[in-house]
Amino acid sequence: MLMIVGILLTAAVWVASLRRTADMTGRLTIIYFCGLFGALLGAKIAFLLAEGWHYRHDWVALLSGRSITGGLLGGYAAVEIAKRK
């Protein structure tokens, strides 16, 4: 629940900043969503590599587990890749 609120809040901040900067190409929006997707993917991959084998018989824990460090690294990497493209 809090993750959804956080995503909606940051999306609202991005929309407000886009209106102020008049970014007509939508580059910031693409970078935002790349960062969001990269963070989600990085958090899941890091969890699966670090502790996923502990939960191989508990599917609920396996699907809900995430890593903060993996999310930060995945989001950073995705934003840097998106900026280069």
C-alpha atoms as a PDB file:
ATOM      1  CA  MET A   1       0.000   0.000   0.000  1.00  0.00           C
ATOM      2  CA  LEU A   2       2.733   2.465   0.934  1.00  0.00           C
ATOM      3  CA  MET A   3       4.668   1.591  -2.208  1.00  0.00           C
ATOM      4  CA  ILE A   4       1.670   2.488  -4.373  1.00  0.00           C
ATOM      5  CA  VAL A   5       1.237   5.792  -2.510  1.00  0.00           C
ATOM      6  CA  GLY A   6       4.947   6.525  -3.010  1.00  0.00           C
ATOM      7  CA  ILE A   7       4.773   5.790  -6.727  1.00  0.00           C
ATOM      8  CA  LEU A   8       1.706   7.977  -7.179  1.00  0.00           C
ATOM      9  CA  LEU A   9       3.249  10.800  -5.155  1.00  0.00           C
ATOM     10  CA  THR A  10       6.497  10.793  -7.135  1.00  0.00           C
ATOM     11  CA  ALA A  11       4.573  10.606 -10.400  1.00  0.00           C
ATOM     12  CA  ALA A  12       2.609  13.713  -9.353  1.00  0.00           C
ATOM     13  CA  VAL A  13       5.858  15.522  -8.524  1.00  0.00           C
ATOM     14  CA  TRP A  14       7.285  14.574 -11.916  1.00  0.00           C
ATOM     15  CA  VAL A  15       4.181  15.811 -13.740  1.00  0.00           C
ATOM     16  CA  ALA A  16       4.367  19.114 -11.860  1.00  0.00           C
ATOM     17  CA  SER A  17       8.056  19.502 -12.695  1.00  0.00           C
ATOM     18  CA  LEU A  18       7.380  18.718 -16.352  1.00  0.00           C
ATOM     19  CA  ARG A  19       4.796  21.485 -16.492  1.00  0.00           C
ATOM     20  CA  ARG A  20       7.251  23.960 -14.980  1.00  0.00           C
ATOM     21  CA  THR A  21      10.145  23.056 -17.274  1.00  0.00           C
ATOM     22  CA  ALA A  22       7.964  22.696 -20.395  1.00  0.00           C
ATOM     23  CA  ASP A  23       9.680  19.465 -21.440  1.00  0.00           C
ATOM     24  CA  MET A  24       7.674  18.752 -24.569  1.00  0.00           C
ATOM     25  CA  THR A  25       9.669  15.709 -25.619  1.00  0.00           C
ATOM     26  CA  GLY A  26       8.775  13.687 -22.540  1.00  0.00           C
ATOM     27  CA  ARG A  27      12.391  12.704 -21.906  1.00  0.00           C
ATOM     28  CA  LEU A  28      12.030  13.120 -18.152  1.00  0.00           C
ATOM     29  CA  THR A  29       8.964  10.895 -18.142  1.00  0.00           C
ATOM     30  CA  ILE A  30      10.836   8.155 -19.970  1.00  0.00           C
ATOM     31  CA  ILE A  31      13.767   8.454 -17.553  1.00  0.00           C
ATOM     32  CA  TYR A  32      11.380   8.352 -14.578  1.00  0.00           C
ATOM     33  CA  PHE A  33       9.681   5.157 -15.722  1.00  0.00           C
ATOM     34  CA  CYS A  34      13.016   3.554 -16.632  1.00  0.00           C
ATOM     35  CA  GLY A  35      14.231   4.309 -13.111  1.00  0.00           C
ATOM     36  CA  LEU A  36      11.046   2.935 -11.585  1.00  0.00           C
ATOM     37  CA  PHE A  37      11.209  -0.279 -13.621  1.00  0.00           C
ATOM     38  CA  GLY A  38      14.936  -0.666 -12.954  1.00  0.00           C
ATOM     39  CA  ALA A  39      14.410  -0.231  -9.214  1.00  0.00           C
ATOM     40  CA  LEU A  40      11.649  -2.835  -9.116  1.00  0.00           C
ATOM     41  CA  LEU A  41      13.662  -5.278 -11.186  1.00  0.00           C
ATOM     42  CA  GLY A  42      16.878  -4.685  -9.241  1.00  0.00           C
ATOM     43  CA  ALA A  43      15.114  -5.133  -5.901  1.00  0.00           C
ATOM     44  CA  LYS A  44      13.637  -8.469  -6.964  1.00  0.00           C
ATOM     45  CA  ILE A  45      16.844  -9.805  -8.540  1.00  0.00           C
ATOM     46  CA  ALA A  46      18.945  -8.892  -5.503  1.00  0.00           C
ATOM     47  CA  PHE A  47      16.442 -10.585  -3.182  1.00  0.00           C
ATOM     48  CA  LEU A  48      16.367 -13.742  -5.276  1.00  0.00           C
ATOM     49  CA  LEU A  49      20.154 -13.934  -5.445  1.00  0.00           C
ATOM     50  CA  ALA A  50      20.697 -13.190  -1.752  1.00  0.00           C
ATOM     51  CA  GLU A  51      17.848 -14.945   0.046  1.00  0.00           C
ATOM     52  CA  GLY A  52      15.592 -16.495  -2.555  1.00  0.00           C
ATOM     53  CA  TRP A  53      16.776 -20.011  -1.900  1.00  0.00           C
ATOM     54  CA  HIS A  54      15.568 -19.758   1.724  1.00  0.00           C
ATOM     55  CA  TYR A  55      12.012 -19.244   0.487  1.00  0.00           C
ATOM     56  CA  ARG A  56      11.912 -21.734  -2.371  1.00  0.00           C
ATOM     57  CA  HIS A  57       8.921 -23.546  -0.783  1.00  0.00           C
ATOM     58  CA  ASP A  58       7.042 -20.405   0.322  1.00  0.00           C
ATOM     59  CA  TRP A  59       5.734 -18.739  -2.843  1.00  0.00           C
ATOM     60  CA  VAL A  60       4.118 -15.786  -1.067  1.00  0.00           C
ATOM     61  CA  ALA A  61       7.399 -14.778   0.587  1.00  0.00           C
ATOM     62  CA  LEU A  62       9.281 -15.453  -2.641  1.00  0.00           C
ATOM     63  CA  LEU A  63       7.011 -13.171  -4.662  1.00  0.00           C
ATOM     64  CA  SER A  64       6.841 -10.379  -2.085  1.00  0.00           C
ATOM     65  CA  GLY A  65      10.538 -10.192  -1.149  1.00  0.00           C
ATOM     66  CA  ARG A  66      12.593  -7.173  -2.218  1.00  0.00           C
ATOM     67  CA  SER A  67      15.997  -5.687  -1.457  1.00  0.00           C
ATOM     68  CA  ILE A  68      16.483  -1.966  -0.802  1.00  0.00           C
ATOM     69  CA  THR A  69      20.088  -2.018  -1.983  1.00  0.00           C
ATOM     70  CA  GLY A  70      19.129  -3.877  -5.145  1.00  0.00           C
ATOM     71  CA  GLY A  71      16.391  -1.347  -5.808  1.00  0.00           C
ATOM     72  CA  LEU A  72      18.775   1.571  -5.446  1.00  0.00           C
ATOM     73  CA  LEU A  73      21.392  -0.007  -7.694  1.00  0.00           C
ATOM     74  CA  GLY A  74      18.845  -1.131 -10.285  1.00  0.00           C
ATOM     75  CA  GLY A  75      17.162   2.268 -10.408  1.00  0.00           C
ATOM     76  CA  TYR A  76      20.481   4.084 -10.718  1.00  0.00           C
ATOM     77  CA  ALA A  77      21.681   1.785 -13.489  1.00  0.00           C
ATOM     78  CA  ALA A  78      18.401   2.090 -15.410  1.00  0.00           C
ATOM     79  CA  VAL A  79      18.437   5.898 -15.212  1.00  0.00           C
ATOM     80  CA  GLU A  80      22.031   6.065 -16.423  1.00  0.00           C
ATOM     81  CA  ILE A  81      21.244   3.718 -19.319  1.00  0.00           C
ATOM     82  CA  ALA A  82      18.127   5.728 -20.225  1.00  0.00           C
ATOM     83  CA  LYS A  83      20.077   9.009 -20.177  1.00  0.00           C
ATOM     84  CA  ARG A  84      22.657   7.607 -22.587  1.00  0.00           C
ATOM     85  CA  LYS A  85      19.977   6.434 -25.010  1.00  0.00           C
END
